[in-house]
C-alpha cells in the first residue's frame, strides 16, 4: 500500500517581494486523462508537459498493468502505445492508486466494461474516501464491486461480461463521476448518456472528441446532456498538456498577499470549468491580469500576472462557481484572511470528502492562526483581518492532503508570525517542485529536518 513516508514538518515565514516567472507543473486532470485515453487508443500517443507528480505516475503504472506500453522519455515527454477500447488485460497484482481520487475513479470507469477483475487500493487518505459514487453507476453497465464498509478501498471490481449502455444523471457535481461513466461507456454498445444538472470540468469530453470518439454535448431542460456512441476505435494523439490552474493558484495567491510582489505564471489552462478561482480573486480586488490569451490543443490558455493586492475585500462567492474551483477553496480561504470583511463560501459540501475534510482542516488551522471561521455542512465563512493584521504562529495539521499543506505554507508568507504544517510530504502528489519554485520567487519555506 502507498504511503507518504516519514512526516516532513515545514515552516513558512514572511518574506520580501516575490518576483519572477513561476513555471508550474502540467495540468493534473489533463495528465491523468491523456494517459488513460492513450492506453485505450490504437497506436502511439505522444504527450508533452505531463505532470510528473506521484498521482499521475501511479496512473501511468496502472496503465502498464492493464497492458499499455507507457514510456518516460524525460523532460515531461511520454508516449503511450495503447491496447484499444476493450483491450485491457487483467493486471497481475493489486493496482495501487496512491493518493489519487481522480486516478482510481477514472480507471474504475475505464475497466468496468471489460471482462476482467481488478483490485484497487491506495494510501490511508484514499482508502478513506467514498467510491460508491462510481461503483453505483458502473453497476448499471453490469460491473460488480466488493469493498470495505462504506464503499471504501481496497475494492475489487469485476468488469461486465456483456455491458449495456446507460443513461445516468450525476447526483452531485463531480467531473470524476461523469468521466468514469463516459469511460465505461466507451466499451458498451449503443449510446451512453450522462446528464449534469451543474456543469463540471469538461476535459474528458474535449479529449474524447480529440481522440475521435462520437460525442455530442447539448444544453437542455434536464441540464447538460452528453451522449457518447460506444465501441469506437480511438485514434492516437499528440497532446501538449497546459500548466495546471490548481497549481498556479499557489504562487498567484502568494503574490497577492506578499507586499511588493509581481509574479508571471505562463501557459495556464483557463478552461471555463476550471478558472473560477481567478474570477473570484479579481472580484475581491486582486491585481490579476491575463496576458497572451490563446488556444492550445482545444483548451484556452493564457499567461497570468499576479501582483500584491493590499486592498482585498471579502465577498460572497457565487455557489454556482463551486465546481469550477472546488480544489482552490483552501488557498482562497487563506487569501480571505488578508481581505477586509467576510468571505462567504457556500455549496461546497464536496470539500468534506476530498483527500481530507478540507473545510474542517482549514478551519482548524486558520483558527489556530488567529482567524475567526464559521462553518456548516456545506458552507464556511472566513472573517478577514486585512493586510498586515493576520497573526499566524500556528502549526496546522495537513491530514495527508497536499492542498492543505501548500495553503498553510502560502499563508505563512503574509502572517506576522511563521506558519507550520506537521507534514509537507503529500505536496509531492501534485506539485513536486513546489519548494524550489517558491524559493526561486523569493519565498522562505523550510523543512524542519534540514
Protein backbone atom coordinates (compact mmCIF):
# COMPACT_ATOMS: atom_id res chain seq x y z
CA UNK A 1 0.00 0.00 0.00
CA UNK A 2 1.15 3.51 -0.74
CA UNK A 3 2.24 5.89 1.97
CA UNK A 4 3.83 9.27 2.20
CA UNK A 5 6.80 8.08 4.28
CA UNK A 6 8.25 9.83 7.31
CA UNK A 7 6.46 13.13 8.03
CA UNK A 8 8.32 16.26 6.92
CA UNK A 9 7.35 19.26 9.09
CA UNK A 10 7.60 22.52 7.16
CA UNK A 11 7.59 26.20 8.12
CA UNK A 12 6.89 29.31 6.06
CA UNK A 13 7.90 32.82 7.09
CA UNK A 14 7.14 36.34 5.93
CA UNK A 15 9.42 37.19 3.03
CA UNK A 16 10.33 40.05 0.74
CA UNK A 17 8.60 40.62 -2.59
CA UNK A 18 8.01 37.53 -4.72
CA UNK A 19 9.38 38.20 -8.20
CA UNK A 20 9.88 36.23 -11.39
CA UNK A 21 8.33 33.53 -13.54
CA UNK A 22 6.60 30.54 -11.96
CA UNK A 23 6.65 27.57 -14.33
CA UNK A 24 4.14 25.39 -12.52
CA UNK A 25 3.65 21.72 -13.45
CA UNK A 26 1.32 20.39 -16.14
CA UNK A 27 -2.40 20.11 -15.53
CA UNK A 28 -3.17 17.10 -13.36
CA UNK A 29 -6.66 16.45 -14.75
CA UNK A 30 -5.45 16.50 -18.36
CA UNK A 31 -2.37 14.41 -17.50
CA UNK A 32 -4.48 11.60 -16.00
CA UNK A 33 -6.86 11.59 -18.94
CA UNK A 34 -4.12 11.68 -21.59
CA UNK A 35 -2.57 8.51 -20.14
CA UNK A 36 -5.88 6.66 -19.81
CA UNK A 37 -7.24 7.59 -23.25
CA UNK A 38 -3.82 6.98 -24.78
CA UNK A 39 -3.98 3.46 -23.34
CA UNK A 40 -7.45 2.99 -24.88
CA UNK A 41 -6.38 4.17 -28.35
CA UNK A 42 -4.76 2.04 -31.05
CA UNK A 43 -1.21 3.21 -31.76
CA UNK A 44 1.18 5.69 -30.15
CA UNK A 45 0.01 8.79 -28.29
CA UNK A 46 2.73 11.39 -27.59
CA UNK A 47 2.41 13.64 -24.54
CA UNK A 48 4.48 16.70 -23.64
CA UNK A 49 4.31 18.66 -20.39
CA UNK A 50 2.91 15.73 -18.40
CA UNK A 51 2.67 16.39 -14.66
CA UNK A 52 5.19 14.03 -13.09
CA UNK A 53 3.70 14.08 -9.61
CA UNK A 54 3.00 10.89 -7.69
CA UNK A 55 -0.72 10.85 -8.57
CA UNK A 56 -0.10 10.85 -12.32
CA UNK A 57 2.83 8.44 -12.07
CA UNK A 58 0.52 6.00 -10.27
CA UNK A 59 -1.91 6.26 -13.20
CA UNK A 60 0.97 5.56 -15.62
CA UNK A 61 1.86 2.42 -13.62
CA UNK A 62 -1.78 1.35 -13.70
CA UNK A 63 -1.95 1.69 -17.49
CA UNK A 64 1.15 -0.51 -17.77
CA UNK A 65 -0.58 -3.07 -15.53
CA UNK A 66 -3.51 -3.09 -18.00
CA UNK A 67 -1.16 -3.90 -20.88
CA UNK A 68 -0.34 -0.49 -22.40
CA UNK A 69 3.28 0.39 -23.14
CA UNK A 70 3.96 3.64 -21.27
CA UNK A 71 7.41 5.21 -21.73
CA UNK A 72 9.00 8.19 -20.00
CA UNK A 73 11.33 9.92 -22.46
CA UNK A 74 12.43 12.58 -19.94
CA UNK A 75 11.62 16.25 -19.61
CA UNK A 76 7.87 15.69 -19.33
CA UNK A 77 7.74 13.83 -22.67
CA UNK A 78 5.93 10.50 -22.61
CA UNK A 79 4.50 8.02 -25.09
CA UNK A 80 1.66 5.53 -24.69
CA UNK A 81 1.17 2.58 -27.04
CA UNK A 82 -2.49 1.79 -26.46
CA UNK A 83 -4.34 -1.51 -26.50
CA UNK A 84 -7.62 -0.16 -27.90
CA UNK A 85 -11.10 0.15 -26.42
CA UNK A 86 -11.94 -3.14 -24.71
CA UNK A 87 -8.31 -4.29 -24.93
CA UNK A 88 -7.30 -4.01 -21.26
CA UNK A 89 -5.50 -7.07 -19.90
CA UNK A 90 -6.19 -8.25 -16.36
CA UNK A 91 -3.45 -6.92 -14.03
CA UNK A 92 -1.24 -9.48 -12.31
CA UNK A 93 -1.35 -7.62 -9.00
CA UNK A 94 -3.34 -5.14 -6.97
CA UNK A 95 -3.49 -1.70 -8.64
CA UNK A 96 -2.25 0.93 -6.16
CA UNK A 97 -3.50 4.44 -6.98
CA UNK A 98 -1.68 6.12 -4.12
CA UNK A 99 -3.41 9.36 -3.10
CA UNK A 100 -5.33 9.94 -6.32
CA UNK A 101 -9.12 10.01 -6.22
CA UNK A 102 -9.16 11.13 -9.84
CA UNK A 103 -6.90 8.28 -10.93
CA UNK A 104 -8.74 5.47 -9.19
CA UNK A 105 -12.24 6.65 -10.14
CA UNK A 106 -11.40 7.20 -13.81
CA UNK A 107 -9.58 3.87 -14.04
CA UNK A 108 -12.52 2.06 -12.41
CA UNK A 109 -14.75 3.50 -15.11
CA UNK A 110 -12.35 2.68 -17.92
CA UNK A 111 -12.12 -1.02 -16.93
CA UNK A 112 -15.73 -1.52 -15.80
CA UNK A 113 -16.97 -2.71 -19.20
CA UNK A 114 -14.09 -5.12 -19.88
CA UNK A 115 -14.37 -8.75 -18.71
CA UNK A 116 -11.50 -8.50 -16.22
CA UNK A 117 -11.24 -8.46 -12.43
CA UNK A 118 -9.15 -5.77 -10.72
CA UNK A 119 -8.42 -4.99 -7.07
CA UNK A 120 -7.69 -1.34 -6.23
CA UNK A 121 -6.05 0.16 -3.17
CA UNK A 122 -4.37 3.40 -2.17
CA UNK A 123 -2.80 5.26 0.72
CA UNK A 124 -4.57 5.88 4.05
CA UNK A 125 -6.27 9.02 2.73
CA UNK A 126 -7.56 7.44 -0.49
CA UNK A 127 -8.71 4.31 1.32
CA UNK A 128 -10.95 6.50 3.46
CA UNK A 129 -12.70 8.18 0.53
CA UNK A 130 -16.13 7.06 -0.79
CA UNK A 131 -16.18 5.04 -4.01
CA UNK A 132 -19.92 4.29 -4.19
CA UNK A 133 -20.36 7.41 -6.30
CA UNK A 134 -18.53 5.49 -9.05
CA UNK A 135 -19.39 1.88 -8.25
CA UNK A 136 -23.13 2.64 -8.28
CA UNK A 137 -23.22 3.93 -11.89
CA UNK A 138 -20.77 1.35 -13.26
CA UNK A 139 -23.02 -1.35 -11.78
CA UNK A 140 -25.67 -0.19 -14.27
CA UNK A 141 -23.32 -1.32 -17.07
CA UNK A 142 -23.08 -4.75 -15.41
CA UNK A 143 -19.91 -4.36 -13.32
CA UNK A 144 -19.78 -5.73 -9.78
CA UNK A 145 -17.80 -4.41 -6.83
CA UNK A 146 -16.83 -5.66 -3.39
CA UNK A 147 -15.05 -3.36 -0.96
CA UNK A 148 -14.76 -2.32 2.64
CA UNK A 149 -17.67 -0.94 4.65
CA UNK A 150 -19.00 2.32 3.29
CA UNK A 151 -17.85 1.51 -0.26
CA UNK A 152 -14.19 2.12 0.51
CA UNK A 153 -10.90 0.75 -0.78
CA UNK A 154 -9.38 -1.81 -1.00
CA UNK A 155 -12.02 -2.84 -3.51
CA UNK A 156 -12.34 -5.46 -6.23
CA UNK A 157 -14.21 -4.63 -9.44
CA UNK A 158 -15.46 -7.42 -11.71
CA UNK A 159 -15.95 -5.90 -15.16
CA UNK A 160 -19.12 -6.51 -17.12
CA UNK A 161 -19.06 -9.58 -19.40
CA UNK A 162 -21.85 -8.19 -21.57
CA UNK A 163 -22.05 -4.45 -20.89
CA UNK A 164 -25.16 -2.45 -21.71
CA UNK A 165 -25.36 1.28 -22.43
CA UNK A 166 -26.52 3.56 -19.62
CA UNK A 167 -28.45 6.80 -19.18
CA UNK A 168 -27.24 8.39 -15.95
CA UNK A 169 -27.91 11.67 -14.16
CA UNK A 170 -24.93 12.61 -11.98
CA UNK A 171 -26.35 13.18 -8.45
CA UNK A 172 -23.70 15.69 -7.41
CA UNK A 173 -21.37 17.99 -9.37
CA UNK A 174 -18.42 15.66 -9.99
CA UNK A 175 -16.16 15.56 -13.04
CA UNK A 176 -14.73 12.30 -11.72
CA UNK A 177 -18.09 10.53 -11.69
CA UNK A 178 -19.11 11.94 -15.08
CA UNK A 179 -15.78 10.89 -16.56
CA UNK A 180 -15.93 7.39 -15.06
CA UNK A 181 -19.34 6.81 -16.66
CA UNK A 182 -18.18 8.14 -20.04
CA UNK A 183 -15.05 5.97 -19.97
CA UNK A 184 -17.16 2.93 -19.09
CA UNK A 185 -19.48 3.82 -21.97
CA UNK A 186 -16.62 3.55 -24.46
CA UNK A 187 -16.79 -0.26 -24.40
CA UNK A 188 -20.59 -0.55 -24.19
CA UNK A 189 -22.71 -0.92 -27.34
CA UNK A 190 -25.12 1.81 -28.35
CA UNK A 191 -25.23 5.26 -26.76
CA UNK A 192 -24.32 6.09 -23.18
CA UNK A 193 -25.86 9.33 -21.93
CA UNK A 194 -24.65 11.37 -18.94
CA UNK A 195 -26.71 14.28 -17.62
CA UNK A 196 -25.22 17.03 -15.45
CA UNK A 197 -27.56 19.46 -13.72
CA UNK A 198 -24.49 21.58 -12.94
CA UNK A 199 -21.54 21.76 -15.36
CA UNK A 200 -18.17 20.44 -14.17
CA UNK A 201 -14.73 20.47 -15.79
CA UNK A 202 -15.08 19.16 -19.33
CA UNK A 203 -11.59 17.87 -20.12
CA UNK A 204 -12.91 14.33 -20.68
CA UNK A 205 -15.45 15.44 -23.29
CA UNK A 206 -12.89 17.60 -25.10
CA UNK A 207 -10.28 14.86 -25.08
CA UNK A 208 -12.69 12.11 -26.17
CA UNK A 209 -13.60 14.23 -29.19
CA UNK A 210 -9.90 14.77 -29.91
CA UNK A 211 -9.29 11.01 -29.86
CA UNK A 212 -12.07 10.54 -32.42
CA UNK A 213 -14.98 9.42 -30.25
CA UNK A 214 -18.51 10.21 -31.44
CA UNK A 215 -19.59 12.51 -28.61
CA UNK A 216 -22.01 15.42 -28.50
CA UNK A 217 -22.96 17.86 -25.77
CA UNK A 218 -26.32 19.63 -25.59
CA UNK A 219 -27.85 22.05 -23.10
CA UNK A 220 -31.47 21.00 -22.41
CA UNK A 221 -34.12 21.49 -19.74
CA UNK A 222 -32.70 18.41 -18.00
CA UNK A 223 -29.27 20.01 -17.86
CA UNK A 224 -26.05 19.41 -19.75
CA UNK A 225 -26.59 16.19 -21.74
CA UNK A 226 -23.53 14.29 -23.01
CA UNK A 227 -24.13 11.47 -25.49
CA UNK A 228 -21.32 9.03 -26.35
CA UNK A 229 -21.50 6.34 -29.03
CA UNK A 230 -19.83 3.18 -27.75
CA UNK A 231 -17.11 0.94 -29.15
CA UNK A 232 -15.20 3.45 -31.29
CA UNK A 233 -11.62 2.98 -32.43
CA UNK A 234 -9.83 5.81 -30.68
CA UNK A 235 -7.04 7.41 -32.72
CA UNK A 236 -3.72 8.23 -31.04
CA UNK A 237 -3.00 11.90 -30.44
CA UNK A 238 -0.19 14.35 -29.77
CA UNK A 239 -1.08 16.17 -26.57
CA UNK A 240 0.58 19.29 -25.15
CA UNK A 241 -0.55 19.49 -21.53
CA UNK A 242 -1.17 23.09 -20.38
CA UNK A 243 0.05 24.11 -16.94
CA UNK A 244 -2.26 23.33 -14.04
CA UNK A 245 -4.53 26.18 -12.84
CA UNK A 246 -4.89 24.43 -9.48
CA UNK A 247 -1.10 24.51 -9.03
CA UNK A 248 -0.91 28.08 -10.39
CA UNK A 249 -3.26 29.06 -7.57
CA UNK A 250 -0.44 28.84 -5.02
CA UNK A 251 2.15 31.25 -6.49
CA UNK A 252 -0.72 33.52 -7.64
CA UNK A 253 -2.22 33.71 -4.14
CA UNK A 254 1.24 34.10 -2.59
CA UNK A 255 1.95 37.12 -4.79
CA UNK A 256 -1.41 38.68 -3.95
CA UNK A 257 -0.75 38.62 -0.17
CA UNK A 258 3.02 39.34 -0.19
CA UNK A 259 4.00 43.01 -0.26
CA UNK A 260 5.68 44.25 -3.43
CA UNK A 261 5.21 41.01 -5.38
CA UNK A 262 4.93 40.66 -9.17
CA UNK A 263 4.79 37.08 -10.48
CA UNK A 264 4.11 35.78 -14.00
CA UNK A 265 2.68 32.26 -14.36
CA UNK A 266 2.87 31.31 -18.06
CA UNK A 267 0.76 28.93 -20.18
CA UNK A 268 -2.02 28.32 -17.66
CA UNK A 269 -5.11 26.41 -18.71
CA UNK A 270 -8.15 28.70 -18.50
CA UNK A 271 -10.87 26.20 -19.29
CA UNK A 272 -14.02 27.97 -18.03
CA UNK A 273 -14.88 24.90 -15.96
CA UNK A 274 -11.59 25.34 -14.06
CA UNK A 275 -10.91 29.08 -13.77
CA UNK A 276 -13.37 30.07 -11.05
CA UNK A 277 -10.66 31.00 -8.55
CA UNK A 278 -9.15 33.68 -10.77
CA UNK A 279 -12.58 35.24 -11.38
CA UNK A 280 -13.21 35.22 -7.62
CA UNK A 281 -9.84 36.79 -6.78
CA UNK A 282 -10.49 39.62 -9.22
CA UNK A 283 -13.90 40.22 -7.60
CA UNK A 284 -12.08 40.53 -4.26
CA UNK A 285 -9.87 43.26 -5.73
CA UNK A 286 -6.80 41.21 -6.64
CA UNK A 287 -4.42 42.66 -9.23
CA UNK A 288 -4.57 39.68 -11.57
CA UNK A 289 -4.35 40.02 -15.35
CA UNK A 290 -4.42 37.65 -18.33
CA UNK A 291 -1.76 38.14 -21.00
CA UNK A 292 -1.27 36.45 -24.38
CA UNK A 293 -4.65 34.69 -24.37
CA UNK A 294 -4.78 31.85 -26.92
CA UNK A 295 -5.96 28.28 -27.62
CA UNK A 296 -3.71 25.21 -27.48
CA UNK A 297 -4.98 21.68 -28.12
CA UNK A 298 -8.57 22.84 -27.89
CA UNK A 299 -8.02 24.35 -24.43
CA UNK A 300 -7.93 28.12 -23.71
CA UNK A 301 -4.63 29.20 -22.13
CA UNK A 302 -3.00 32.47 -21.08
CA UNK A 303 -0.13 33.90 -19.07
CA UNK A 304 -1.27 35.10 -15.63
CA UNK A 305 0.34 38.08 -13.92
CA UNK A 306 -0.35 38.44 -10.19
CA UNK A 307 0.71 41.46 -8.15
CA UNK A 308 0.48 42.35 -4.47
CA UNK A 309 -3.05 43.49 -3.67
CA UNK A 310 -3.28 45.35 -0.32
CA UNK A 311 -6.95 46.34 -0.55
CA UNK A 312 -8.70 42.99 -0.83
CA UNK A 313 -12.33 42.84 0.30
CA UNK A 314 -14.40 39.90 1.45
CA UNK A 315 -17.17 38.77 -0.88
CA UNK A 316 -19.90 36.16 -1.15
CA UNK A 317 -18.56 33.64 -3.67
CA UNK A 318 -21.17 32.59 -6.22
CA UNK A 319 -22.16 29.00 -5.29
CA UNK A 320 -22.66 28.23 -8.98
CA UNK A 321 -18.91 28.67 -9.35
CA UNK A 322 -18.05 25.95 -6.83
CA UNK A 323 -17.49 23.15 -9.33
CA UNK A 324 -15.03 25.29 -11.31
CA UNK A 325 -12.80 25.93 -8.28
CA UNK A 326 -13.52 23.15 -5.81
CA UNK A 327 -9.82 22.35 -5.28
CA UNK A 328 -8.93 26.02 -4.78
CA UNK A 329 -11.15 26.82 -1.79
CA UNK A 330 -8.40 26.02 0.75
CA UNK A 331 -5.99 28.59 -0.68
CA UNK A 332 -8.87 31.02 -1.32
CA UNK A 333 -9.65 30.84 2.40
CA UNK A 334 -6.04 31.89 3.06
CA UNK A 335 -6.39 34.94 0.80
CA UNK A 336 -9.69 35.71 2.56
CA UNK A 337 -7.78 36.14 5.84
CA UNK A 338 -5.94 39.11 4.29
CA UNK A 339 -9.13 40.72 2.96
CA UNK A 340 -11.32 43.11 4.92
CA UNK A 341 -14.69 41.68 5.85
CA UNK A 342 -16.30 38.30 5.44
CA UNK A 343 -15.69 35.89 2.58
CA UNK A 344 -18.68 33.54 2.37
CA UNK A 345 -18.32 30.18 0.58
CA UNK A 346 -21.49 28.12 0.03
CA UNK A 347 -22.41 24.97 -1.85
CA UNK A 348 -19.07 23.35 -1.04
CA UNK A 349 -20.01 20.08 0.71
CA UNK A 350 -17.77 18.23 -1.78
CA UNK A 351 -14.83 19.64 0.23
CA UNK A 352 -15.79 17.34 3.10
CA UNK A 353 -14.90 14.18 1.09
CA UNK A 354 -11.67 15.21 -0.61
CA UNK A 355 -8.21 13.93 0.45
CA UNK A 356 -9.30 15.25 3.84
CA UNK A 357 -12.33 17.09 5.17
CA UNK A 358 -10.93 20.31 3.76
CA UNK A 359 -13.40 22.62 5.49
CA UNK A 360 -12.52 21.12 8.87
CA UNK A 361 -8.77 21.06 8.18
CA UNK A 362 -8.62 24.67 7.01
CA UNK A 363 -10.97 25.96 9.72
CA UNK A 364 -8.88 24.42 12.49
CA UNK A 365 -5.61 25.77 11.07
CA UNK A 366 -6.97 29.25 10.41
CA UNK A 367 -8.45 29.48 13.91
CA UNK A 368 -5.12 28.43 15.40
CA UNK A 369 -3.56 31.30 13.42
CA UNK A 370 -5.94 33.85 14.95
CA UNK A 371 -8.66 34.00 12.29
CA UNK A 372 -12.37 33.61 13.04
CA UNK A 373 -14.05 30.94 10.92
CA UNK A 374 -17.69 29.84 10.90
CA UNK A 375 -18.74 26.60 9.22
CA UNK A 376 -21.65 24.34 8.35
CA UNK A 377 -22.06 21.13 6.41
CA UNK A 378 -21.78 22.80 3.01
CA UNK A 379 -20.59 26.34 3.79
CA UNK A 380 -17.94 28.30 5.63
CA UNK A 381 -17.16 31.93 6.33
CA UNK A 382 -13.73 33.47 6.87
CA UNK A 383 -13.65 36.78 8.74
CA UNK A 384 -10.80 38.65 7.10
CA UNK A 385 -8.45 40.82 9.15
CA UNK A 386 -6.85 42.83 6.34
CA UNK A 387 -3.24 43.02 5.17
CA UNK A 388 -0.71 43.14 7.99
CA UNK A 389 -3.17 42.01 10.66
CA UNK A 390 -3.13 38.18 10.41
CA UNK A 391 -1.27 36.79 13.46
CA UNK A 392 -0.10 33.31 12.32
CA UNK A 393 2.26 31.50 14.66
CA UNK A 394 0.50 28.13 14.49
CA UNK A 395 1.13 24.57 13.33
CA UNK A 396 -1.65 23.19 11.13
CA UNK A 397 -2.39 19.52 10.53
CA UNK A 398 -2.09 18.67 6.81
CA UNK A 399 -4.16 15.48 7.21
CA UNK A 400 -2.30 13.77 4.32
CA UNK A 401 -3.68 16.46 1.99
CA UNK A 402 -1.34 18.23 -0.45
CA UNK A 403 -3.58 21.27 -0.88
CA UNK A 404 -3.94 21.82 2.86
CA UNK A 405 -0.16 21.68 3.32
CA UNK A 406 0.54 24.12 0.48
CA UNK A 407 -2.22 26.51 1.56
CA UNK A 408 -0.71 26.98 5.00
CA UNK A 409 2.75 27.44 3.50
CA UNK A 410 1.32 30.25 1.37
CA UNK A 411 -0.36 31.74 4.45
CA UNK A 412 2.96 31.99 6.30
CA UNK A 413 4.30 34.35 3.63
CA UNK A 414 1.90 37.05 4.82
CA UNK A 415 1.29 36.37 8.53
CA UNK A 416 3.06 38.28 11.28
CA UNK A 417 4.47 35.05 12.79
CA UNK A 418 5.53 31.92 10.85
CA UNK A 419 3.09 29.17 9.87
CA UNK A 420 3.97 25.49 10.05
CA UNK A 421 2.44 22.19 8.93
CA UNK A 422 3.02 18.84 10.57
CA UNK A 423 3.77 17.10 7.26
CA UNK A 424 4.62 18.53 3.85
CA UNK A 425 5.22 15.12 2.28
CA UNK A 426 1.85 14.93 0.44
CA UNK A 427 2.77 18.01 -1.65
CA UNK A 428 4.68 15.69 -4.00
CA UNK A 429 1.43 14.09 -5.17
CA UNK A 430 0.50 17.13 -7.28
CA UNK A 431 3.28 19.75 -7.10
CA UNK A 432 6.68 18.02 -6.75
CA UNK A 433 8.60 21.25 -7.50
CA UNK A 434 6.64 23.43 -5.05
CA UNK A 435 9.57 24.16 -2.71
CA UNK A 436 12.25 25.06 -5.29
CA UNK A 437 9.76 27.03 -7.39
CA UNK A 438 8.60 29.14 -4.45
CA UNK A 439 12.21 29.58 -3.25
CA UNK A 440 13.24 30.87 -6.67
CA UNK A 441 10.50 33.50 -6.43
CA UNK A 442 11.86 34.57 -3.04
CA UNK A 443 9.72 32.62 -0.55
CA UNK A 444 11.09 31.37 2.77
CA UNK A 445 9.81 27.79 3.15
CA UNK A 446 11.94 25.40 5.15
CA UNK A 447 11.87 21.77 6.15
CA UNK A 448 12.37 21.15 9.86
CA UNK A 449 14.77 18.25 9.22
CA UNK A 450 17.22 20.22 7.09
